[in-house]
């Protein structure tokens, strides 16, 4: 009986770790993409206006907020996918 409880606890820990890892990786990826797009946009704007781009804006006002929004969306999506997966596994076990 103790092994079943330990196995269940281990399963929930691995689910939590998977959700957090996916969230972190997607946030990091979205930060990189948004930073690239922000830098390209700032350089383009600077060339058109004839000034110097302020690259701090790309980090603070473009990439970081976009990455936080993407992280929140990734967290919700990962939780929903894990819940669906757990429910699907439970229904397969019950049908056997």
PDB file of N, CA and C in Angstrom:
ATOM      1  N   UNK A   1       0.829  -1.187   0.000  1.00  0.00           N
ATOM      2  CA  UNK A   1       0.000   0.000   0.000  1.00  0.00           C
ATOM      3  C   UNK A   1       0.867   1.242   0.000  1.00  0.00           C
ATOM      4  N   UNK A   2       1.985   1.216   0.711  1.00  0.00           N
ATOM      5  CA  UNK A   2       2.857   2.378   0.770  1.00  0.00           C
ATOM      6  C   UNK A   2       3.499   2.656  -0.578  1.00  0.00           C
ATOM      7  N   UNK A   3       3.782   1.599  -1.349  1.00  0.00           N
ATOM      8  CA  UNK A   3       4.414   1.805  -2.653  1.00  0.00           C
ATOM      9  C   UNK A   3       3.447   2.472  -3.624  1.00  0.00           C
ATOM     10  N   UNK A   4       2.150   2.169  -3.521  1.00  0.00           N
ATOM     11  CA  UNK A   4       1.182   2.800  -4.411  1.00  0.00           C
ATOM     12  C   UNK A   4       1.087   4.293  -4.126  1.00  0.00           C
ATOM     13  N   UNK A   5       1.124   4.683  -2.856  1.00  0.00           N
ATOM     14  CA  UNK A   5       1.083   6.102  -2.506  1.00  0.00           C
ATOM     15  C   UNK A   5       2.339   6.822  -2.949  1.00  0.00           C
ATOM     16  N   UNK A   6       3.483   6.169  -2.789  1.00  0.00           N
ATOM     17  CA  UNK A   6       4.745   6.756  -3.222  1.00  0.00           C
ATOM     18  C   UNK A   6       4.797   6.899  -4.729  1.00  0.00           C
ATOM     19  N   UNK A   7       4.272   5.920  -5.442  1.00  0.00           N
ATOM     20  CA  UNK A   7       4.247   5.959  -6.897  1.00  0.00           C
ATOM     21  C   UNK A   7       3.355   7.092  -7.395  1.00  0.00           C
ATOM     22  N   UNK A   8       2.222   7.269  -6.740  1.00  0.00           N
ATOM     23  CA  UNK A   8       1.306   8.350  -7.106  1.00  0.00           C
ATOM     24  C   UNK A   8       1.944   9.715  -6.847  1.00  0.00           C
ATOM     25  N   UNK A   9       2.649   9.823  -5.715  1.00  0.00           N
ATOM     26  CA  UNK A   9       3.308  11.084  -5.390  1.00  0.00           C
ATOM     27  C   UNK A   9       4.427  11.374  -6.394  1.00  0.00           C
ATOM     28  N   UNK A  10       5.174  10.339  -6.766  1.00  0.00           N
ATOM     29  CA  UNK A  10       6.240  10.504  -7.751  1.00  0.00           C
ATOM     30  C   UNK A  10       5.672  10.917  -9.099  1.00  0.00           C
ATOM     31  N   UNK A  11       4.526  10.351  -9.444  1.00  0.00           N
ATOM     32  CA  UNK A  11       3.878  10.697 -10.713  1.00  0.00           C
ATOM     33  C   UNK A  11       3.494  12.171 -10.743  1.00  0.00           C
ATOM     34  N   UNK A  12       2.939  12.688  -9.655  1.00  0.00           N
ATOM     35  CA  UNK A  12       2.541  14.099  -9.623  1.00  0.00           C
ATOM     36  C   UNK A  12       3.758  15.018  -9.645  1.00  0.00           C
ATOM     37  N   UNK A  13       4.852  14.578  -9.043  1.00  0.00           N
ATOM     38  CA  UNK A  13       6.074  15.386  -9.082  1.00  0.00           C
ATOM     39  C   UNK A  13       6.615  15.450 -10.503  1.00  0.00           C
ATOM     40  N   UNK A  14       6.596  14.314 -11.213  1.00  0.00           N
ATOM     41  CA  UNK A  14       7.087  14.327 -12.592  1.00  0.00           C
ATOM     42  C   UNK A  14       6.190  15.154 -13.501  1.00  0.00           C
ATOM     43  N   UNK A  15       4.888  15.131 -13.249  1.00  0.00           N
ATOM     44  CA  UNK A  15       3.965  15.971 -14.026  1.00  0.00           C
ATOM     45  C   UNK A  15       4.278  17.438 -13.781  1.00  0.00           C
ATOM     46  N   UNK A  16       4.485  17.806 -12.529  1.00  0.00           N
ATOM     47  CA  UNK A  16       4.815  19.193 -12.198  1.00  0.00           C
ATOM     48  C   UNK A  16       6.122  19.619 -12.865  1.00  0.00           C
ATOM     49  N   UNK A  17       7.124  18.755 -12.803  1.00  0.00           N
ATOM     50  CA  UNK A  17       8.409  19.080 -13.428  1.00  0.00           C
ATOM     51  C   UNK A  17       8.282  19.224 -14.944  1.00  0.00           C
ATOM     52  N   UNK A  18       7.490  18.350 -15.563  1.00  0.00           N
ATOM     53  CA  UNK A  18       7.272  18.442 -17.013  1.00  0.00           C
ATOM     54  C   UNK A  18       6.594  19.744 -17.387  1.00  0.00           C
ATOM     55  N   UNK A  19       5.567  20.122 -16.626  1.00  0.00           N
ATOM     56  CA  UNK A  19       4.837  21.362 -16.895  1.00  0.00           C
ATOM     57  C   UNK A  19       5.764  22.567 -16.751  1.00  0.00           C
ATOM     58  N   UNK A  20       6.549  22.593 -15.697  1.00  0.00           N
ATOM     59  CA  UNK A  20       7.454  23.724 -15.482  1.00  0.00           C
ATOM     60  C   UNK A  20       8.557  23.775 -16.533  1.00  0.00           C
ATOM     61  N   UNK A  21       9.074  22.626 -16.941  1.00  0.00           N
ATOM     62  CA  UNK A  21      10.116  22.597 -17.962  1.00  0.00           C
ATOM     63  C   UNK A  21       9.586  23.085 -19.310  1.00  0.00           C
ATOM     64  N   UNK A  22       8.422  22.621 -19.697  1.00  0.00           N
ATOM     65  CA  UNK A  22       7.824  23.063 -20.960  1.00  0.00           C
ATOM     66  C   UNK A  22       7.541  24.560 -20.912  1.00  0.00           C
ATOM     67  N   UNK A  23       7.024  25.042 -19.786  1.00  0.00           N
ATOM     68  CA  UNK A  23       6.742  26.472 -19.641  1.00  0.00           C
ATOM     69  C   UNK A  23       8.021  27.288 -19.757  1.00  0.00           C
ATOM     70  N   UNK A  24       9.070  26.865 -19.075  1.00  0.00           N
ATOM     71  CA  UNK A  24      10.335  27.593 -19.126  1.00  0.00           C
ATOM     72  C   UNK A  24      10.916  27.612 -20.531  1.00  0.00           C
ATOM     73  N   UNK A  25      10.912  26.469 -21.210  1.00  0.00           N
ATOM     74  CA  UNK A  25      11.483  26.405 -22.550  1.00  0.00           C
ATOM     75  C   UNK A  25      10.698  27.247 -23.552  1.00  0.00           C
ATOM     76  N   UNK A  26       9.383  27.223 -23.457  1.00  0.00           N
ATOM     77  CA  UNK A  26       8.581  28.040 -24.365  1.00  0.00           C
ATOM     78  C   UNK A  26       8.732  29.527 -24.067  1.00  0.00           C
ATOM     79  N   UNK A  27       8.860  29.892 -22.802  1.00  0.00           N
ATOM     80  CA  UNK A  27       9.096  31.296 -22.450  1.00  0.00           C
ATOM     81  C   UNK A  27      10.453  31.757 -22.963  1.00  0.00           C
ATOM     82  N   UNK A  28      11.463  30.912 -22.832  1.00  0.00           N
ATOM     83  CA  UNK A  28      12.799  31.245 -23.316  1.00  0.00           C
ATOM     84  C   UNK A  28      12.807  31.385 -24.837  1.00  0.00           C
ATOM     85  N   UNK A  29      12.141  30.494 -25.518  1.00  0.00           N
ATOM     86  CA  UNK A  29      12.053  30.570 -26.970  1.00  0.00           C
ATOM     87  C   UNK A  29      11.313  31.823 -27.421  1.00  0.00           C
ATOM     88  N   UNK A  30      10.207  32.132 -26.759  1.00  0.00           N
ATOM     89  CA  UNK A  30       9.455  33.333 -27.140  1.00  0.00           C
ATOM     90  C   UNK A  30      10.245  34.599 -26.826  1.00  0.00           C
ATOM     91  N   UNK A  31      11.024  34.591 -25.742  1.00  0.00           N
ATOM     92  CA  UNK A  31      11.876  35.741 -25.431  1.00  0.00           C
ATOM     93  C   UNK A  31      12.890  35.956 -26.541  1.00  0.00           C
ATOM     94  N   UNK A  32      13.520  34.884 -26.991  1.00  0.00           N
ATOM     95  CA  UNK A  32      14.530  34.999 -28.044  1.00  0.00           C
ATOM     96  C   UNK A  32      13.929  35.511 -29.349  1.00  0.00           C
ATOM     97  N   UNK A  33      12.789  34.962 -29.726  1.00  0.00           N
ATOM     98  CA  UNK A  33      12.148  35.385 -30.980  1.00  0.00           C
ATOM     99  C   UNK A  33      11.678  36.834 -30.883  1.00  0.00           C
ATOM    100  N   UNK A  34      11.053  37.197 -29.774  1.00  0.00           N
ATOM    101  CA  UNK A  34      10.575  38.574 -29.613  1.00  0.00           C
ATOM    102  C   UNK A  34      11.732  39.563 -29.516  1.00  0.00           C
ATOM    103  N   UNK A  35      12.832  39.151 -28.919  1.00  0.00           N
ATOM    104  CA  UNK A  35      14.004  40.016 -28.864  1.00  0.00           C
ATOM    105  C   UNK A  35      14.561  40.246 -30.259  1.00  0.00           C
ATOM    106  N   UNK A  36      14.644  39.201 -31.048  1.00  0.00           N
ATOM    107  CA  UNK A  36      15.114  39.339 -32.421  1.00  0.00           C
ATOM    108  C   UNK A  36      14.204  40.274 -33.209  1.00  0.00           C
ATOM    109  N   UNK A  37      12.904  40.067 -33.101  1.00  0.00           N
ATOM    110  CA  UNK A  37      11.959  40.924 -33.827  1.00  0.00           C
ATOM    111  C   UNK A  37      12.010  42.360 -33.312  1.00  0.00           C
ATOM    112  N   UNK A  38      12.176  42.532 -32.010  1.00  0.00           N
ATOM    113  CA  UNK A  38      12.281  43.870 -31.444  1.00  0.00           C
ATOM    114  C   UNK A  38      13.520  44.601 -31.918  1.00  0.00           C
ATOM    115  N   UNK A  39      14.644  43.900 -31.974  1.00  0.00           N
ATOM    116  CA  UNK A  39      15.879  44.515 -32.456  1.00  0.00           C
ATOM    117  C   UNK A  39      15.756  44.883 -33.927  1.00  0.00           C
ATOM    118  N   UNK A  40      15.211  43.988 -34.725  1.00  0.00           N
ATOM    119  CA  UNK A  40      15.019  44.289 -36.151  1.00  0.00           C
ATOM    120  C   UNK A  40      14.094  45.491 -36.320  1.00  0.00           C
ATOM    121  N   UNK A  41      13.024  45.536 -35.551  1.00  0.00           N
ATOM    122  CA  UNK A  41      12.099  46.666 -35.628  1.00  0.00           C
ATOM    123  C   UNK A  41      12.737  47.970 -35.183  1.00  0.00           C
ATOM    124  N   UNK A  42      13.500  47.943 -34.109  1.00  0.00           N
ATOM    125  CA  UNK A  42      14.164  49.160 -33.625  1.00  0.00           C
ATOM    126  C   UNK A  42      15.222  49.658 -34.603  1.00  0.00           C
ATOM    127  N   UNK A  43      15.995  48.745 -35.184  1.00  0.00           N
ATOM    128  CA  UNK A  43      17.012  49.139 -36.153  1.00  0.00           C
ATOM    129  C   UNK A  43      16.352  49.710 -37.413  1.00  0.00           C
ATOM    130  N   UNK A  44      15.284  49.072 -37.849  1.00  0.00           N
ATOM    131  CA  UNK A  44      14.563  49.580 -39.018  1.00  0.00           C
ATOM    132  C   UNK A  44      14.013  50.974 -38.754  1.00  0.00           C
ATOM    133  N   UNK A  45      13.411  51.166 -37.591  1.00  0.00           N
ATOM    134  CA  UNK A  45      12.873  52.477 -37.227  1.00  0.00           C
ATOM    135  C   UNK A  45      13.984  53.514 -37.135  1.00  0.00           C
ATOM    136  N   UNK A  46      15.114  53.137 -36.580  1.00  0.00           N
ATOM    137  CA  UNK A  46      16.237  54.068 -36.457  1.00  0.00           C
ATOM    138  C   UNK A  46      16.789  54.458 -37.822  1.00  0.00           C
ATOM    139  N   UNK A  47      16.848  53.496 -38.738  1.00  0.00           N
ATOM    140  CA  UNK A  47      17.344  53.796 -40.084  1.00  0.00           C
ATOM    141  C   UNK A  47      16.382  54.735 -40.803  1.00  0.00           C
ATOM    142  N   UNK A  48      15.096  54.476 -40.675  1.00  0.00           N
ATOM    143  CA  UNK A  48      14.097  55.325 -41.345  1.00  0.00           C
ATOM    144  C   UNK A  48      14.107  56.737 -40.779  1.00  0.00           C
ATOM    145  N   UNK A  49      14.215  56.860 -39.462  1.00  0.00           N
ATOM    146  CA  UNK A  49      14.195  58.178 -38.816  1.00  0.00           C
ATOM    147  C   UNK A  49      15.561  58.851 -38.808  1.00  0.00           C
ATOM    148  N   UNK A  50      16.610  58.114 -39.080  1.00  0.00           N
ATOM    149  CA  UNK A  50      17.942  58.681 -39.110  1.00  0.00           C
ATOM    150  C   UNK A  50      18.560  58.875 -37.738  1.00  0.00           C
ATOM    151  N   UNK A  51      18.194  58.067 -36.772  1.00  0.00           N
ATOM    152  CA  UNK A  51      18.732  58.189 -35.421  1.00  0.00           C
ATOM    153  C   UNK A  51      19.433  56.926 -34.980  1.00  0.00           C
ATOM    154  N   UNK A  52      19.734  56.863 -33.704  1.00  0.00           N
ATOM    155  CA  UNK A  52      20.369  55.680 -33.125  1.00  0.00           C
ATOM    156  C   UNK A  52      19.332  54.891 -32.330  1.00  0.00           C
ATOM    157  N   UNK A  53      19.313  53.565 -32.502  1.00  0.00           N
ATOM    158  CA  UNK A  53      18.332  52.765 -31.760  1.00  0.00           C
ATOM    159  C   UNK A  53      18.730  52.600 -30.300  1.00  0.00           C
ATOM    160  N   UNK A  54      17.750  52.631 -29.427  1.00  0.00           N
ATOM    161  CA  UNK A  54      17.956  52.371 -28.006  1.00  0.00           C
ATOM    162  C   UNK A  54      17.602  50.901 -27.762  1.00  0.00           C
ATOM    163  N   UNK A  55      18.612  50.068 -27.678  1.00  0.00           N
ATOM    164  CA  UNK A  55      18.393  48.621 -27.583  1.00  0.00           C
ATOM    165  C   UNK A  55      17.794  48.180 -26.252  1.00  0.00           C
ATOM    166  N   UNK A  56      17.860  49.023 -25.241  1.00  0.00           N
ATOM    167  CA  UNK A  56      17.257  48.684 -23.954  1.00  0.00           C
ATOM    168  C   UNK A  56      15.750  48.511 -24.114  1.00  0.00           C
ATOM    169  N   UNK A  57      15.173  49.263 -25.031  1.00  0.00           N
ATOM    170  CA  UNK A  57      13.731  49.170 -25.288  1.00  0.00           C
ATOM    171  C   UNK A  57      13.378  47.767 -25.777  1.00  0.00           C
ATOM    172  N   UNK A  58      14.248  47.161 -26.575  1.00  0.00           N
ATOM    173  CA  UNK A  58      13.975  45.820 -27.101  1.00  0.00           C
ATOM    174  C   UNK A  58      13.853  44.799 -25.968  1.00  0.00           C
ATOM    175  N   UNK A  59      14.676  44.955 -24.939  1.00  0.00           N
ATOM    176  CA  UNK A  59      14.613  44.035 -23.805  1.00  0.00           C
ATOM    177  C   UNK A  59      13.435  44.348 -22.886  1.00  0.00           C
ATOM    178  N   UNK A  60      13.371  45.585 -22.427  1.00  0.00           N
ATOM    179  CA  UNK A  60      12.426  45.958 -21.368  1.00  0.00           C
ATOM    180  C   UNK A  60      10.983  46.071 -21.827  1.00  0.00           C
ATOM    181  N   UNK A  61      10.775  46.612 -23.008  1.00  0.00           N
ATOM    182  CA  UNK A  61       9.402  46.936 -23.415  1.00  0.00           C
ATOM    183  C   UNK A  61       8.841  46.018 -24.485  1.00  0.00           C
ATOM    184  N   UNK A  62       9.668  45.184 -25.065  1.00  0.00           N
ATOM    185  CA  UNK A  62       9.171  44.307 -26.129  1.00  0.00           C
ATOM    186  C   UNK A  62       9.324  42.840 -25.732  1.00  0.00           C
ATOM    187  N   UNK A  63      10.552  42.383 -25.555  1.00  0.00           N
ATOM    188  CA  UNK A  63      10.808  40.951 -25.382  1.00  0.00           C
ATOM    189  C   UNK A  63      10.341  40.416 -24.029  1.00  0.00           C
ATOM    190  N   UNK A  64      10.654  41.119 -22.949  1.00  0.00           N
ATOM    191  CA  UNK A  64      10.299  40.591 -21.625  1.00  0.00           C
ATOM    192  C   UNK A  64       8.786  40.510 -21.406  1.00  0.00           C
ATOM    193  N   UNK A  65       8.018  41.571 -21.698  1.00  0.00           N
ATOM    194  CA  UNK A  65       6.559  41.425 -21.521  1.00  0.00           C
ATOM    195  C   UNK A  65       5.945  40.359 -22.429  1.00  0.00           C
ATOM    196  N   UNK A  66       6.437  40.263 -23.656  1.00  0.00           N
ATOM    197  CA  UNK A  66       5.917  39.241 -24.566  1.00  0.00           C
ATOM    198  C   UNK A  66       6.249  37.838 -24.053  1.00  0.00           C
ATOM    199  N   UNK A  67       7.443  37.675 -23.492  1.00  0.00           N
ATOM    200  CA  UNK A  67       7.827  36.368 -22.941  1.00  0.00           C
ATOM    201  C   UNK A  67       6.983  36.009 -21.727  1.00  0.00           C
ATOM    202  N   UNK A  68       6.631  36.984 -20.912  1.00  0.00           N
ATOM    203  CA  UNK A  68       5.783  36.708 -19.745  1.00  0.00           C
ATOM    204  C   UNK A  68       4.377  36.278 -20.173  1.00  0.00           C
ATOM    205  N   UNK A  69       3.842  36.929 -21.188  1.00  0.00           N
ATOM    206  CA  UNK A  69       2.525  36.539 -21.703  1.00  0.00           C
ATOM    207  C   UNK A  69       2.597  35.131 -22.296  1.00  0.00           C
ATOM    208  N   UNK A  70       3.658  34.863 -23.055  1.00  0.00           N
ATOM    209  CA  UNK A  70       3.822  33.532 -23.640  1.00  0.00           C
ATOM    210  C   UNK A  70       4.018  32.477 -22.554  1.00  0.00           C
ATOM    211  N   UNK A  71       4.731  32.814 -21.483  1.00  0.00           N
ATOM    212  CA  UNK A  71       4.929  31.865 -20.386  1.00  0.00           C
ATOM    213  C   UNK A  71       3.610  31.539 -19.702  1.00  0.00           C
ATOM    214  N   UNK A  72       2.781  32.550 -19.503  1.00  0.00           N
ATOM    215  CA  UNK A  72       1.472  32.300 -18.886  1.00  0.00           C
ATOM    216  C   UNK A  72       0.615  31.416 -19.781  1.00  0.00           C
ATOM    217  N   UNK A  73       0.631  31.690 -21.078  1.00  0.00           N
ATOM    218  CA  UNK A  73      -0.141  30.864 -22.014  1.00  0.00           C
ATOM    219  C   UNK A  73       0.415  29.444 -22.075  1.00  0.00           C
ATOM    220  N   UNK A  74       1.722  29.309 -22.055  1.00  0.00           N
ATOM    221  CA  UNK A  74       2.343  27.981 -22.090  1.00  0.00           C
ATOM    222  C   UNK A  74       2.040  27.196 -20.821  1.00  0.00           C
ATOM    223  N   UNK A  75       2.024  27.877 -19.682  1.00  0.00           N
ATOM    224  CA  UNK A  75       1.706  27.214 -18.420  1.00  0.00           C
ATOM    225  C   UNK A  75       0.287  26.664 -18.442  1.00  0.00           C
ATOM    226  N   UNK A  76      -0.649  27.481 -18.888  1.00  0.00           N
ATOM    227  CA  UNK A  76      -2.047  27.032 -18.958  1.00  0.00           C
ATOM    228  C   UNK A  76      -2.188  25.879 -19.948  1.00  0.00           C
ATOM    229  N   UNK A  77      -1.549  26.001 -21.114  1.00  0.00           N
ATOM    230  CA  UNK A  77      -1.639  24.946 -22.126  1.00  0.00           C
ATOM    231  C   UNK A  77      -1.005  23.645 -21.630  1.00  0.00           C
ATOM    232  N   UNK A  78       0.128  23.734 -20.955  1.00  0.00           N
ATOM    233  CA  UNK A  78       0.784  22.527 -20.449  1.00  0.00           C
ATOM    234  C   UNK A  78      -0.055  21.852 -19.373  1.00  0.00           C
ATOM    235  N   UNK A  79      -0.676  22.632 -18.509  1.00  0.00           N
ATOM    236  CA  UNK A  79      -1.535  22.051 -17.468  1.00  0.00           C
ATOM    237  C   UNK A  79      -2.740  21.369 -18.100  1.00  0.00           C
ATOM    238  N   UNK A  80      -3.355  22.020 -19.076  1.00  0.00           N
ATOM    239  CA  UNK A  80      -4.521  21.425 -19.748  1.00  0.00           C
ATOM    240  C   UNK A  80      -4.131  20.118 -20.437  1.00  0.00           C
ATOM    241  N   UNK A  81      -2.986  20.108 -21.107  1.00  0.00           N
ATOM    242  CA  UNK A  81      -2.550  18.896 -21.795  1.00  0.00           C
ATOM    243  C   UNK A  81      -2.253  17.762 -20.810  1.00  0.00           C
ATOM    244  N   UNK A  82      -1.650  18.081 -19.681  1.00  0.00           N
ATOM    245  CA  UNK A  82      -1.360  17.049 -18.682  1.00  0.00           C
ATOM    246  C   UNK A  82      -2.643  16.504 -18.053  1.00  0.00           C
ATOM    247  N   UNK A  83      -3.601  17.374 -17.799  1.00  0.00           N
ATOM    248  CA  UNK A  83      -4.882  16.917 -17.234  1.00  0.00           C
ATOM    249  C   UNK A  83      -5.590  16.010 -18.233  1.00  0.00           C
ATOM    250  N   UNK A  84      -5.593  16.400 -19.504  1.00  0.00           N
ATOM    251  CA  UNK A  84      -6.207  15.547 -20.522  1.00  0.00           C
ATOM    252  C   UNK A  84      -5.501  14.196 -20.601  1.00  0.00           C
ATOM    253  N   UNK A  85      -4.186  14.224 -20.538  1.00  0.00           N
ATOM    254  CA  UNK A  85      -3.424  12.980 -20.609  1.00  0.00           C
ATOM    255  C   UNK A  85      -3.741  12.082 -19.416  1.00  0.00           C
ATOM    256  N   UNK A  86      -3.820  12.654 -18.236  1.00  0.00           N
ATOM    257  CA  UNK A  86      -4.131  11.857 -17.039  1.00  0.00           C
ATOM    258  C   UNK A  86      -5.537  11.286 -17.104  1.00  0.00           C
ATOM    259  N   UNK A  87      -6.479  12.075 -17.584  1.00  0.00           N
ATOM    260  CA  UNK A  87      -7.856  11.573 -17.705  1.00  0.00           C
ATOM    261  C   UNK A  87      -7.949  10.464 -18.734  1.00  0.00           C
ATOM    262  N   UNK A  88      -7.204  10.625 -19.832  1.00  0.00           N
ATOM    263  CA  UNK A  88      -7.216   9.604 -20.881  1.00  0.00           C
ATOM    264  C   UNK A  88      -6.611   8.299 -20.366  1.00  0.00           C
ATOM    265  N   UNK A  89      -5.521   8.388 -19.625  1.00  0.00           N
ATOM    266  CA  UNK A  89      -4.918   7.189 -19.038  1.00  0.00           C
ATOM    267  C   UNK A  89      -5.869   6.523 -18.048  1.00  0.00           C
ATOM    268  N   UNK A  90      -6.574   7.325 -17.262  1.00  0.00           N
ATOM    269  CA  UNK A  90      -7.515   6.780 -16.285  1.00  0.00           C
ATOM    270  C   UNK A  90      -8.676   6.069 -16.949  1.00  0.00           C
ATOM    271  N   UNK A  91      -9.177   6.621 -18.063  1.00  0.00           N
ATOM    272  CA  UNK A  91     -10.296   5.974 -18.747  1.00  0.00           C
ATOM    273  C   UNK A  91      -9.855   4.686 -19.437  1.00  0.00           C
ATOM    274  N   UNK A  92      -8.614   4.623 -19.907  1.00  0.00           N
ATOM    275  CA  UNK A  92      -8.113   3.386 -20.498  1.00  0.00           C
ATOM    276  C   UNK A  92      -7.959   2.298 -19.453  1.00  0.00           C
ATOM    277  N   UNK A  93      -7.513   2.657 -18.254  1.00  0.00           N
ATOM    278  CA  UNK A  93      -7.360   1.665 -17.189  1.00  0.00           C
ATOM    279  C   UNK A  93      -8.708   1.141 -16.728  1.00  0.00           C
ATOM    280  N   UNK A  94      -9.704   2.013 -16.673  1.00  0.00           N
ATOM    281  CA  UNK A  94     -11.037   1.584 -16.227  1.00  0.00           C
ATOM    282  C   UNK A  94     -11.716   0.682 -17.243  1.00  0.00           C
ATOM    283  N   UNK A  95     -11.442   0.881 -18.534  1.00  0.00           N
ATOM    284  CA  UNK A  95     -12.108   0.085 -19.567  1.00  0.00           C
ATOM    285  C   UNK A  95     -11.527  -1.335 -19.683  1.00  0.00           C
ATOM    286  N   UNK A  96     -10.348  -1.566 -19.096  1.00  0.00           N
ATOM    287  CA  UNK A  96      -9.729  -2.900 -19.194  1.00  0.00           C
ATOM    288  C   UNK A  96     -10.386  -3.847 -18.278  1.00  0.00           C
TER     289      UNK A  96
END
